[in-house]
Amino acid sequence: MVKRKLYRLKSEQHPVRLPLDLPQGVTFHEDIIINRDGNSYRTMSARCNHLGCIVDRKEGEQLVCPCHGSRYSLDGRVLNGPATHDLVCLHHRINAKEKSLIIEPPA
């Protein structure tokens, strides 16, 4: 029986600040995935729910876990396992004064 890895990601411990001028499309930052479309941002944890590996690769229109090949859509929905759940969406806010995207840790 395989045991799940139990650890806390950096994004689960404190807010992460990134510049608003991230490139369009998918950006991987430590343990966070940001998908920018115009002035809209989708932020999610990069932790695969299968064994906790960090999803760090984009192939075409899919996000891929390097450990066991789980595949997710660009909005974090699981497409192929072994993962069984979507990537966790992270709340974020924009600080216009600082021109930054602030990604909050999960509740």
PDB file of N, CA and C in Angstrom:
ATOM      1  N   MET A   1       0.847  -1.180   0.000  1.00  0.00           N
ATOM      2  CA  MET A   1       0.000   0.000   0.000  1.00  0.00           C
ATOM      3  C   MET A   1       0.893   1.244   0.000  1.00  0.00           C
ATOM      4  N   VAL A   2       0.574   2.177  -0.855  1.00  0.00           N
ATOM      5  CA  VAL A   2       1.352   3.410  -0.957  1.00  0.00           C
ATOM      6  C   VAL A   2       0.766   4.446  -0.009  1.00  0.00           C
ATOM      7  N   LYS A   3       1.620   5.083   0.770  1.00  0.00           N
ATOM      8  CA  LYS A   3       1.160   6.126   1.681  1.00  0.00           C
ATOM      9  C   LYS A   3       1.291   7.477   1.010  1.00  0.00           C
ATOM     10  N   ARG A   4       0.324   8.343   1.267  1.00  0.00           N
ATOM     11  CA  ARG A   4       0.372   9.696   0.719  1.00  0.00           C
ATOM     12  C   ARG A   4       1.446  10.505   1.429  1.00  0.00           C
ATOM     13  N   LYS A   5       2.073  11.393   0.673  1.00  0.00           N
ATOM     14  CA  LYS A   5       3.053  12.292   1.266  1.00  0.00           C
ATOM     15  C   LYS A   5       2.307  13.360   2.057  1.00  0.00           C
ATOM     16  N   LEU A   6       2.715  13.576   3.276  1.00  0.00           N
ATOM     17  CA  LEU A   6       2.077  14.591   4.106  1.00  0.00           C
ATOM     18  C   LEU A   6       3.071  15.709   4.368  1.00  0.00           C
ATOM     19  N   TYR A   7       2.849  16.830   3.734  1.00  0.00           N
ATOM     20  CA  TYR A   7       3.682  18.004   3.961  1.00  0.00           C
ATOM     21  C   TYR A   7       2.892  19.223   3.549  1.00  0.00           C
ATOM     22  N   ARG A   8       3.332  20.362   3.986  1.00  0.00           N
ATOM     23  CA  ARG A   8       2.632  21.603   3.659  1.00  0.00           C
ATOM     24  C   ARG A   8       3.413  22.349   2.592  1.00  0.00           C
ATOM     25  N   LEU A   9       2.703  22.763   1.583  1.00  0.00           N
ATOM     26  CA  LEU A   9       3.320  23.547   0.524  1.00  0.00           C
ATOM     27  C   LEU A   9       3.571  24.966   0.999  1.00  0.00           C
ATOM     28  N   LYS A  10       4.518  25.649   0.364  1.00  0.00           N
ATOM     29  CA  LYS A  10       4.791  27.042   0.713  1.00  0.00           C
ATOM     30  C   LYS A  10       3.536  27.883   0.589  1.00  0.00           C
ATOM     31  N   SER A  11       2.730  27.619  -0.451  1.00  0.00           N
ATOM     32  CA  SER A  11       1.516  28.402  -0.659  1.00  0.00           C
ATOM     33  C   SER A  11       0.462  28.118   0.401  1.00  0.00           C
ATOM     34  N   GLU A  12       0.623  27.058   1.180  1.00  0.00           N
ATOM     35  CA  GLU A  12      -0.318  26.748   2.246  1.00  0.00           C
ATOM     36  C   GLU A  12       0.081  27.424   3.552  1.00  0.00           C
ATOM     37  N   GLN A  13       1.211  28.107   3.584  1.00  0.00           N
ATOM     38  CA  GLN A  13       1.710  28.688   4.813  1.00  0.00           C
ATOM     39  C   GLN A  13       1.588  30.202   4.858  1.00  0.00           C
ATOM     40  N   HIS A  14       1.657  30.861   3.721  1.00  0.00           N
ATOM     41  CA  HIS A  14       1.613  32.325   3.700  1.00  0.00           C
ATOM     42  C   HIS A  14       1.197  32.798   2.315  1.00  0.00           C
ATOM     43  N   PRO A  15       0.665  34.017   2.215  1.00  0.00           N
ATOM     44  CA  PRO A  15       0.307  34.544   0.892  1.00  0.00           C
ATOM     45  C   PRO A  15       1.545  34.680   0.003  1.00  0.00           C
ATOM     46  N   VAL A  16       1.342  34.508  -1.276  1.00  0.00           N
ATOM     47  CA  VAL A  16       2.407  34.649  -2.267  1.00  0.00           C
ATOM     48  C   VAL A  16       2.079  35.860  -3.128  1.00  0.00           C
ATOM     49  N   ARG A  17       3.065  36.743  -3.327  1.00  0.00           N
ATOM     50  CA  ARG A  17       2.883  37.940  -4.164  1.00  0.00           C
ATOM     51  C   ARG A  17       3.662  37.780  -5.456  1.00  0.00           C
ATOM     52  N   LEU A  18       2.963  38.025  -6.561  1.00  0.00           N
ATOM     53  CA  LEU A  18       3.591  37.964  -7.877  1.00  0.00           C
ATOM     54  C   LEU A  18       3.221  39.223  -8.651  1.00  0.00           C
ATOM     55  N   PRO A  19       4.044  39.635  -9.595  1.00  0.00           N
ATOM     56  CA  PRO A  19       3.710  40.817 -10.385  1.00  0.00           C
ATOM     57  C   PRO A  19       2.510  40.537 -11.289  1.00  0.00           C
ATOM     58  N   LEU A  20       1.715  41.573 -11.541  1.00  0.00           N
ATOM     59  CA  LEU A  20       0.552  41.419 -12.412  1.00  0.00           C
ATOM     60  C   LEU A  20       0.933  41.158 -13.862  1.00  0.00           C
ATOM     61  N   ASP A  21       2.133  41.524 -14.250  1.00  0.00           N
ATOM     62  CA  ASP A  21       2.520  41.396 -15.653  1.00  0.00           C
ATOM     63  C   ASP A  21       3.065  40.005 -16.003  1.00  0.00           C
ATOM     64  N   LEU A  22       2.506  38.981 -15.370  1.00  0.00           N
ATOM     65  CA  LEU A  22       2.863  37.607 -15.729  1.00  0.00           C
ATOM     66  C   LEU A  22       2.519  37.385 -17.199  1.00  0.00           C
ATOM     67  N   PRO A  23       3.229  36.485 -17.876  1.00  0.00           N
ATOM     68  CA  PRO A  23       2.900  36.225 -19.279  1.00  0.00           C
ATOM     69  C   PRO A  23       1.506  35.606 -19.414  1.00  0.00           C
ATOM     70  N   GLN A  24       0.899  35.782 -20.569  1.00  0.00           N
ATOM     71  CA  GLN A  24      -0.385  35.146 -20.853  1.00  0.00           C
ATOM     72  C   GLN A  24      -0.201  33.632 -20.838  1.00  0.00           C
ATOM     73  N   GLY A  25      -1.233  32.918 -20.436  1.00  0.00           N
ATOM     74  CA  GLY A  25      -1.178  31.460 -20.392  1.00  0.00           C
ATOM     75  C   GLY A  25      -0.724  30.959 -19.034  1.00  0.00           C
ATOM     76  N   VAL A  26      -0.145  29.781 -19.016  1.00  0.00           N
ATOM     77  CA  VAL A  26       0.202  29.084 -17.769  1.00  0.00           C
ATOM     78  C   VAL A  26       1.599  29.467 -17.291  1.00  0.00           C
ATOM     79  N   THR A  27       1.686  29.788 -15.993  1.00  0.00           N
ATOM     80  CA  THR A  27       2.961  30.035 -15.323  1.00  0.00           C
ATOM     81  C   THR A  27       3.042  29.105 -14.118  1.00  0.00           C
ATOM     82  N   PHE A  28       4.178  28.443 -13.947  1.00  0.00           N
ATOM     83  CA  PHE A  28       4.417  27.613 -12.771  1.00  0.00           C
ATOM     84  C   PHE A  28       5.313  28.416 -11.840  1.00  0.00           C
ATOM     85  N   HIS A  29       4.888  28.586 -10.583  1.00  0.00           N
ATOM     86  CA  HIS A  29       5.686  29.310  -9.592  1.00  0.00           C
ATOM     87  C   HIS A  29       5.719  28.473  -8.317  1.00  0.00           C
ATOM     88  N   GLU A  30       6.867  27.876  -8.047  1.00  0.00           N
ATOM     89  CA  GLU A  30       7.033  27.008  -6.875  1.00  0.00           C
ATOM     90  C   GLU A  30       5.917  25.967  -6.857  1.00  0.00           C
ATOM     91  N   ASP A  31       4.975  26.072  -5.937  1.00  0.00           N
ATOM     92  CA  ASP A  31       3.907  25.082  -5.811  1.00  0.00           C
ATOM     93  C   ASP A  31       2.547  25.643  -6.218  1.00  0.00           C
ATOM     94  N   ILE A  32       2.559  26.631  -7.110  1.00  0.00           N
ATOM     95  CA  ILE A  32       1.332  27.285  -7.571  1.00  0.00           C
ATOM     96  C   ILE A  32       1.323  27.290  -9.095  1.00  0.00           C
ATOM     97  N   ILE A  33       0.132  27.148  -9.658  1.00  0.00           N
ATOM     98  CA  ILE A  33      -0.062  27.298 -11.097  1.00  0.00           C
ATOM     99  C   ILE A  33      -0.960  28.510 -11.303  1.00  0.00           C
ATOM    100  N   ILE A  34      -0.537  29.413 -12.175  1.00  0.00           N
ATOM    101  CA  ILE A  34      -1.327  30.591 -12.515  1.00  0.00           C
ATOM    102  C   ILE A  34      -1.644  30.505 -13.995  1.00  0.00           C
ATOM    103  N   ASN A  35      -2.916  30.640 -14.333  1.00  0.00           N
ATOM    104  CA  ASN A  35      -3.325  30.656 -15.732  1.00  0.00           C
ATOM    105  C   ASN A  35      -3.917  32.036 -16.011  1.00  0.00           C
ATOM    106  N   ARG A  36      -3.192  32.830 -16.780  1.00  0.00           N
ATOM    107  CA  ARG A  36      -3.628  34.193 -17.082  1.00  0.00           C
ATOM    108  C   ARG A  36      -4.266  34.229 -18.464  1.00  0.00           C
ATOM    109  N   ASP A  37      -5.442  34.846 -18.527  1.00  0.00           N
ATOM    110  CA  ASP A  37      -6.155  35.052 -19.787  1.00  0.00           C
ATOM    111  C   ASP A  37      -6.584  36.513 -19.815  1.00  0.00           C
ATOM    112  N   GLY A  38      -5.819  37.348 -20.516  1.00  0.00           N
ATOM    113  CA  GLY A  38      -6.085  38.790 -20.506  1.00  0.00           C
ATOM    114  C   GLY A  38      -5.800  39.346 -19.127  1.00  0.00           C
ATOM    115  N   ASN A  39      -6.809  39.970 -18.526  1.00  0.00           N
ATOM    116  CA  ASN A  39      -6.667  40.494 -17.161  1.00  0.00           C
ATOM    117  C   ASN A  39      -7.316  39.576 -16.135  1.00  0.00           C
ATOM    118  N   SER A  40      -7.611  38.354 -16.533  1.00  0.00           N
ATOM    119  CA  SER A  40      -8.223  37.371 -15.649  1.00  0.00           C
ATOM    120  C   SER A  40      -7.166  36.342 -15.243  1.00  0.00           C
ATOM    121  N   TYR A  41      -7.192  35.962 -13.959  1.00  0.00           N
ATOM    122  CA  TYR A  41      -6.220  35.007 -13.426  1.00  0.00           C
ATOM    123  C   TYR A  41      -6.955  33.849 -12.765  1.00  0.00           C
ATOM    124  N   ARG A  42      -6.483  32.631 -12.991  1.00  0.00           N
ATOM    125  CA  ARG A  42      -6.949  31.454 -12.253  1.00  0.00           C
ATOM    126  C   ARG A  42      -5.725  30.936 -11.512  1.00  0.00           C
ATOM    127  N   THR A  43      -5.862  30.752 -10.207  1.00  0.00           N
ATOM    128  CA  THR A  43      -4.733  30.296  -9.396  1.00  0.00           C
ATOM    129  C   THR A  43      -5.108  28.983  -8.714  1.00  0.00           C
ATOM    130  N   MET A  44      -4.176  28.050  -8.721  1.00  0.00           N
ATOM    131  CA  MET A  44      -4.455  26.752  -8.119  1.00  0.00           C
ATOM    132  C   MET A  44      -3.183  26.138  -7.549  1.00  0.00           C
ATOM    133  N   SER A  45      -3.377  25.248  -6.605  1.00  0.00           N
ATOM    134  CA  SER A  45      -2.257  24.500  -6.044  1.00  0.00           C
ATOM    135  C   SER A  45      -1.714  23.573  -7.119  1.00  0.00           C
ATOM    136  N   ALA A  46      -0.404  23.422  -7.169  1.00  0.00           N
ATOM    137  CA  ALA A  46       0.223  22.515  -8.130  1.00  0.00           C
ATOM    138  C   ALA A  46       0.353  21.101  -7.565  1.00  0.00           C
ATOM    139  N   ARG A  47      -0.171  20.869  -6.371  1.00  0.00           N
ATOM    140  CA  ARG A  47      -0.035  19.547  -5.756  1.00  0.00           C
ATOM    141  C   ARG A  47      -1.048  18.573  -6.351  1.00  0.00           C
ATOM    142  N   CYS A  48      -0.553  17.516  -6.954  1.00  0.00           N
ATOM    143  CA  CYS A  48      -1.409  16.454  -7.482  1.00  0.00           C
ATOM    144  C   CYS A  48      -2.022  15.720  -6.292  1.00  0.00           C
ATOM    145  N   ASN A  49      -3.319  15.435  -6.362  1.00  0.00           N
ATOM    146  CA  ASN A  49      -3.949  14.785  -5.206  1.00  0.00           C
ATOM    147  C   ASN A  49      -3.681  13.287  -5.143  1.00  0.00           C
ATOM    148  N   HIS A  50      -2.984  12.747  -6.104  1.00  0.00           N
ATOM    149  CA  HIS A  50      -2.678  11.320  -6.061  1.00  0.00           C
ATOM    150  C   HIS A  50      -1.676  11.013  -4.951  1.00  0.00           C
ATOM    151  N   LEU A  51      -0.455  11.567  -5.066  1.00  0.00           N
ATOM    152  CA  LEU A  51       0.562  11.341  -4.028  1.00  0.00           C
ATOM    153  C   LEU A  51       1.256  12.623  -3.594  1.00  0.00           C
ATOM    154  N   GLY A  52       0.760  13.758  -4.032  1.00  0.00           N
ATOM    155  CA  GLY A  52       1.324  15.022  -3.574  1.00  0.00           C
ATOM    156  C   GLY A  52       2.472  15.561  -4.397  1.00  0.00           C
ATOM    157  N   CYS A  53       2.766  14.961  -5.528  1.00  0.00           N
ATOM    158  CA  CYS A  53       3.827  15.491  -6.393  1.00  0.00           C
ATOM    159  C   CYS A  53       3.405  16.844  -6.955  1.00  0.00           C
ATOM    160  N   ILE A  54       4.370  17.629  -7.381  1.00  0.00           N
ATOM    161  CA  ILE A  54       4.093  18.957  -7.920  1.00  0.00           C
ATOM    162  C   ILE A  54       3.924  18.877  -9.436  1.00  0.00           C
ATOM    163  N   VAL A  55       2.753  19.279  -9.897  1.00  0.00           N
ATOM    164  CA  VAL A  55       2.464  19.355 -11.331  1.00  0.00           C
ATOM    165  C   VAL A  55       3.287  20.518 -11.873  1.00  0.00           C
ATOM    166  N   ASP A  56       4.195  20.214 -12.805  1.00  0.00           N
ATOM    167  CA  ASP A  56       5.139  21.253 -13.231  1.00  0.00           C
ATOM    168  C   ASP A  56       5.351  21.301 -14.739  1.00  0.00           C
ATOM    169  N   ARG A  57       4.403  20.729 -15.475  1.00  0.00           N
ATOM    170  CA  ARG A  57       4.604  20.645 -16.914  1.00  0.00           C
ATOM    171  C   ARG A  57       3.286  20.863 -17.653  1.00  0.00           C
ATOM    172  N   LYS A  58       3.371  21.531 -18.789  1.00  0.00           N
ATOM    173  CA  LYS A  58       2.221  21.729 -19.668  1.00  0.00           C
ATOM    174  C   LYS A  58       2.532  21.047 -20.988  1.00  0.00           C
ATOM    175  N   GLU A  59       1.606  20.210 -21.434  1.00  0.00           N
ATOM    176  CA  GLU A  59       1.725  19.559 -22.738  1.00  0.00           C
ATOM    177  C   GLU A  59       0.468  19.892 -23.520  1.00  0.00           C
ATOM    178  N   GLY A  60       0.604  20.708 -24.551  1.00  0.00           N
ATOM    179  CA  GLY A  60      -0.569  21.139 -25.304  1.00  0.00           C
ATOM    180  C   GLY A  60      -1.510  21.906 -24.400  1.00  0.00           C
ATOM    181  N   GLU A  61      -2.728  21.436 -24.277  1.00  0.00           N
ATOM    182  CA  GLU A  61      -3.734  22.089 -23.439  1.00  0.00           C
ATOM    183  C   GLU A  61      -3.954  21.329 -22.134  1.00  0.00           C
ATOM    184  N   GLN A  62      -2.930  20.637 -21.650  1.00  0.00           N
ATOM    185  CA  GLN A  62      -3.051  19.863 -20.422  1.00  0.00           C
ATOM    186  C   GLN A  62      -1.880  20.118 -19.487  1.00  0.00           C
ATOM    187  N   LEU A  63      -2.165  20.047 -18.187  1.00  0.00           N
ATOM    188  CA  LEU A  63      -1.149  20.100 -17.140  1.00  0.00           C
ATOM    189  C   LEU A  63      -0.843  18.655 -16.760  1.00  0.00           C
ATOM    190  N   VAL A  64       0.432  18.335 -16.570  1.00  0.00           N
ATOM    191  CA  VAL A  64       0.834  16.938 -16.372  1.00  0.00           C
ATOM    192  C   VAL A  64       1.649  16.787 -15.093  1.00  0.00           C
ATOM    193  N   CYS A  65       1.282  15.791 -14.291  1.00  0.00           N
ATOM    194  CA  CYS A  65       2.053  15.447 -13.095  1.00  0.00           C
ATOM    195  C   CYS A  65       3.222  14.560 -13.519  1.00  0.00           C
ATOM    196  N   PRO A  66       4.448  14.901 -13.113  1.00  0.00           N
ATOM    197  CA  PRO A  66       5.613  14.131 -13.541  1.00  0.00           C
ATOM    198  C   PRO A  66       5.746  12.759 -12.870  1.00  0.00           C
ATOM    199  N   CYS A  67       5.069  12.537 -11.768  1.00  0.00           N
ATOM    200  CA  CYS A  67       5.271  11.288 -11.022  1.00  0.00           C
ATOM    201  C   CYS A  67       4.553  10.089 -11.633  1.00  0.00           C
ATOM    202  N   HIS A  68       3.262  10.228 -11.876  1.00  0.00           N
ATOM    203  CA  HIS A  68       2.496   9.083 -12.370  1.00  0.00           C
ATOM    204  C   HIS A  68       1.619   9.435 -13.564  1.00  0.00           C
ATOM    205  N   GLY A  69       1.808  10.636 -14.135  1.00  0.00           N
ATOM    206  CA  GLY A  69       1.153  10.978 -15.386  1.00  0.00           C
ATOM    207  C   GLY A  69      -0.274  11.472 -15.310  1.00  0.00           C
ATOM    208  N   SER A  70      -0.770  11.820 -14.120  1.00  0.00           N
ATOM    209  CA  SER A  70      -2.114  12.398 -14.063  1.00  0.00           C
ATOM    210  C   SER A  70      -2.155  13.636 -14.942  1.00  0.00           C
ATOM    211  N   ARG A  71      -3.304  13.855 -15.581  1.00  0.00           N
ATOM    212  CA  ARG A  71      -3.457  14.996 -16.485  1.00  0.00           C
ATOM    213  C   ARG A  71      -4.654  15.823 -16.063  1.00  0.00           C
ATOM    214  N   TYR A  72      -4.466  17.141 -16.162  1.00  0.00           N
ATOM    215  CA  TYR A  72      -5.499  18.098 -15.777  1.00  0.00           C
ATOM    216  C   TYR A  72      -5.723  19.076 -16.921  1.00  0.00           C
ATOM    217  N   SER A  73      -6.942  19.618 -16.999  1.00  0.00           N
ATOM    218  CA  SER A  73      -7.204  20.695 -17.950  1.00  0.00           C
ATOM    219  C   SER A  73      -6.497  21.949 -17.437  1.00  0.00           C
ATOM    220  N   LEU A  74      -6.432  22.979 -18.266  1.00  0.00           N
ATOM    221  CA  LEU A  74      -5.753  24.213 -17.859  1.00  0.00           C
ATOM    222  C   LEU A  74      -6.469  24.928 -16.721  1.00  0.00           C
ATOM    223  N   ASP A  75      -7.731  24.564 -16.449  1.00  0.00           N
ATOM    224  CA  ASP A  75      -8.423  25.146 -15.297  1.00  0.00           C
ATOM    225  C   ASP A  75      -8.409  24.206 -14.093  1.00  0.00           C
ATOM    226  N   GLY A  76      -7.593  23.134 -14.156  1.00  0.00           N
ATOM    227  CA  GLY A  76      -7.367  22.280 -12.995  1.00  0.00           C
ATOM    228  C   GLY A  76      -8.269  21.066 -12.867  1.00  0.00           C
ATOM    229  N   ARG A  77      -9.162  20.834 -13.833  1.00  0.00           N
ATOM    230  CA  ARG A  77     -10.030  19.655 -13.756  1.00  0.00           C
ATOM    231  C   ARG A  77      -9.243  18.401 -14.127  1.00  0.00           C
ATOM    232  N   VAL A  78      -9.424  17.333 -13.337  1.00  0.00           N
ATOM    233  CA  VAL A  78      -8.713  16.086 -13.631  1.00  0.00           C
ATOM    234  C   VAL A  78      -9.289  15.476 -14.910  1.00  0.00           C
ATOM    235  N   LEU A  79      -8.397  15.091 -15.814  1.00  0.00           N
ATOM    236  CA  LEU A  79      -8.798  14.476 -17.082  1.00  0.00           C
ATOM    237  C   LEU A  79      -8.481  12.988 -17.094  1.00  0.00           C
ATOM    238  N   ASN A  80      -7.290  12.630 -16.599  1.00  0.00           N
ATOM    239  CA  ASN A  80      -6.850  11.230 -16.539  1.00  0.00           C
ATOM    240  C   ASN A  80      -6.105  11.002 -15.242  1.00  0.00           C
ATOM    241  N   GLY A  81      -6.357   9.843 -14.622  1.00  0.00           N
ATOM    242  CA  GLY A  81      -5.727   9.511 -13.363  1.00  0.00           C
ATOM    243  C   GLY A  81      -4.317   8.988 -13.530  1.00  0.00           C
ATOM    244  N   PRO A  82      -3.789   8.612 -12.380  1.00  0.00           N
ATOM    245  CA  PRO A  82      -4.464   8.091 -11.212  1.00  0.00           C
ATOM    246  C   PRO A  82      -5.107   9.120 -10.274  1.00  0.00           C
ATOM    247  N   ALA A  83      -4.861  10.407 -10.449  1.00  0.00           N
ATOM    248  CA  ALA A  83      -5.527  11.410  -9.600  1.00  0.00           C
ATOM    249  C   ALA A  83      -7.039  11.292  -9.780  1.00  0.00           C
ATOM    250  N   THR A  84      -7.768  11.542  -8.697  1.00  0.00           N
ATOM    251  CA  THR A  84      -9.227  11.417  -8.744  1.00  0.00           C
ATOM    252  C   THR A  84      -9.951  12.729  -8.503  1.00  0.00           C
ATOM    253  N   HIS A  85      -9.222  13.768  -8.097  1.00  0.00           N
ATOM    254  CA  HIS A  85      -9.855  15.056  -7.797  1.00  0.00           C
ATOM    255  C   HIS A  85      -9.143  16.175  -8.543  1.00  0.00           C
ATOM    256  N   ASP A  86      -9.881  17.255  -8.758  1.00  0.00           N
ATOM    257  CA  ASP A  86      -9.325  18.435  -9.419  1.00  0.00           C
ATOM    258  C   ASP A  86      -8.247  19.074  -8.547  1.00  0.00           C
ATOM    259  N   LEU A  87      -7.395  19.874  -9.169  1.00  0.00           N
ATOM    260  CA  LEU A  87      -6.427  20.666  -8.408  1.00  0.00           C
ATOM    261  C   LEU A  87      -7.192  21.674  -7.555  1.00  0.00           C
ATOM    262  N   VAL A  88      -6.665  22.005  -6.393  1.00  0.00           N
ATOM    263  CA  VAL A  88      -7.328  22.922  -5.465  1.00  0.00           C
ATOM    264  C   VAL A  88      -7.167  24.357  -5.960  1.00  0.00           C
ATOM    265  N   CYS A  89      -8.303  25.039  -6.145  1.00  0.00           N
ATOM    266  CA  CYS A  89      -8.260  26.454  -6.526  1.00  0.00           C
ATOM    267  C   CYS A  89      -7.831  27.276  -5.319  1.00  0.00           C
ATOM    268  N   LEU A  90      -7.000  28.266  -5.555  1.00  0.00           N
ATOM    269  CA  LEU A  90      -6.532  29.158  -4.496  1.00  0.00           C
ATOM    270  C   LEU A  90      -7.146  30.534  -4.703  1.00  0.00           C
ATOM    271  N   HIS A  91      -7.613  31.137  -3.621  1.00  0.00           N
ATOM    272  CA  HIS A  91      -8.166  32.486  -3.701  1.00  0.00           C
ATOM    273  C   HIS A  91      -7.035  33.475  -3.936  1.00  0.00           C
ATOM    274  N   HIS A  92      -7.343  34.485  -4.708  1.00  0.00           N
ATOM    275  CA  HIS A  92      -6.344  35.521  -4.968  1.00  0.00           C
ATOM    276  C   HIS A  92      -7.035  36.871  -5.043  1.00  0.00           C
ATOM    277  N   ARG A  93      -6.237  37.894  -4.916  1.00  0.00           N
ATOM    278  CA  ARG A  93      -6.737  39.264  -5.064  1.00  0.00           C
ATOM    279  C   ARG A  93      -5.669  40.080  -5.757  1.00  0.00           C
ATOM    280  N   ILE A  94      -6.107  41.175  -6.323  1.00  0.00           N
ATOM    281  CA  ILE A  94      -5.189  42.060  -7.029  1.00  0.00           C
ATOM    282  C   ILE A  94      -4.988  43.317  -6.206  1.00  0.00           C
ATOM    283  N   ASN A  95      -3.737  43.681  -5.991  1.00  0.00           N
ATOM    284  CA  ASN A  95      -3.402  44.942  -5.341  1.00  0.00           C
ATOM    285  C   ASN A  95      -2.962  45.889  -6.456  1.00  0.00           C
ATOM    286  N   ALA A  96      -3.887  46.753  -6.875  1.00  0.00           N
ATOM    287  CA  ALA A  96      -3.619  47.645  -8.006  1.00  0.00           C
ATOM    288  C   ALA A  96      -2.496  48.627  -7.690  1.00  0.00           C
ATOM    289  N   LYS A  97      -2.428  49.084  -6.448  1.00  0.00           N
ATOM    290  CA  LYS A  97      -1.397  50.051  -6.065  1.00  0.00           C
ATOM    291  C   LYS A  97       0.000  49.452  -6.232  1.00  0.00           C
ATOM    292  N   GLU A  98       0.167  48.220  -5.783  1.00  0.00           N
ATOM    293  CA  GLU A  98       1.465  47.538  -5.882  1.00  0.00           C
ATOM    294  C   GLU A  98       1.629  46.781  -7.204  1.00  0.00           C
ATOM    295  N   LYS A  99       0.573  46.758  -8.008  1.00  0.00           N
ATOM    296  CA  LYS A  99       0.575  46.000  -9.271  1.00  0.00           C
ATOM    297  C   LYS A  99       0.997  44.557  -9.025  1.00  0.00           C
ATOM    298  N   SER A 100       0.315  43.936  -8.034  1.00  0.00           N
ATOM    299  CA  SER A 100       0.664  42.563  -7.682  1.00  0.00           C
ATOM    300  C   SER A 100      -0.570  41.680  -7.561  1.00  0.00           C
ATOM    301  N   LEU A 101      -0.346  40.410  -7.788  1.00  0.00           N
ATOM    302  CA  LEU A 101      -1.339  39.368  -7.601  1.00  0.00           C
ATOM    303  C   LEU A 101      -0.992  38.694  -6.281  1.00  0.00           C
ATOM    304  N   ILE A 102      -1.927  38.685  -5.342  1.00  0.00           N
ATOM    305  CA  ILE A 102      -1.686  38.097  -4.020  1.00  0.00           C
ATOM    306  C   ILE A 102      -2.497  36.813  -3.932  1.00  0.00           C
ATOM    307  N   ILE A 103      -1.800  35.706  -3.803  1.00  0.00           N
ATOM    308  CA  ILE A 103      -2.435  34.391  -3.759  1.00  0.00           C
ATOM    309  C   ILE A 103      -2.472  33.935  -2.308  1.00  0.00           C
ATOM    310  N   GLU A 104      -3.687  33.684  -1.821  1.00  0.00           N
ATOM    311  CA  GLU A 104      -3.890  33.346  -0.414  1.00  0.00           C
ATOM    312  C   GLU A 104      -3.708  31.848  -0.185  1.00  0.00           C
ATOM    313  N   PRO A 105      -3.219  31.472   1.006  1.00  0.00           N
ATOM    314  CA  PRO A 105      -3.137  30.044   1.331  1.00  0.00           C
ATOM    315  C   PRO A 105      -4.548  29.475   1.476  1.00  0.00           C
ATOM    316  N   PRO A 106      -4.719  28.174   1.261  1.00  0.00           N
ATOM    317  CA  PRO A 106      -6.050  27.583   1.433  1.00  0.00           C
ATOM    318  C   PRO A 106      -6.518  27.700   2.872  1.00  0.00           C
ATOM    319  N   ALA A 107      -7.832  27.763   3.037  1.00  0.00           N
ATOM    320  CA  ALA A 107      -8.419  27.900   4.386  1.00  0.00           C
ATOM    321  C   ALA A 107      -8.246  26.640   5.191  1.00  0.00           C
TER     322      ALA A 107
END
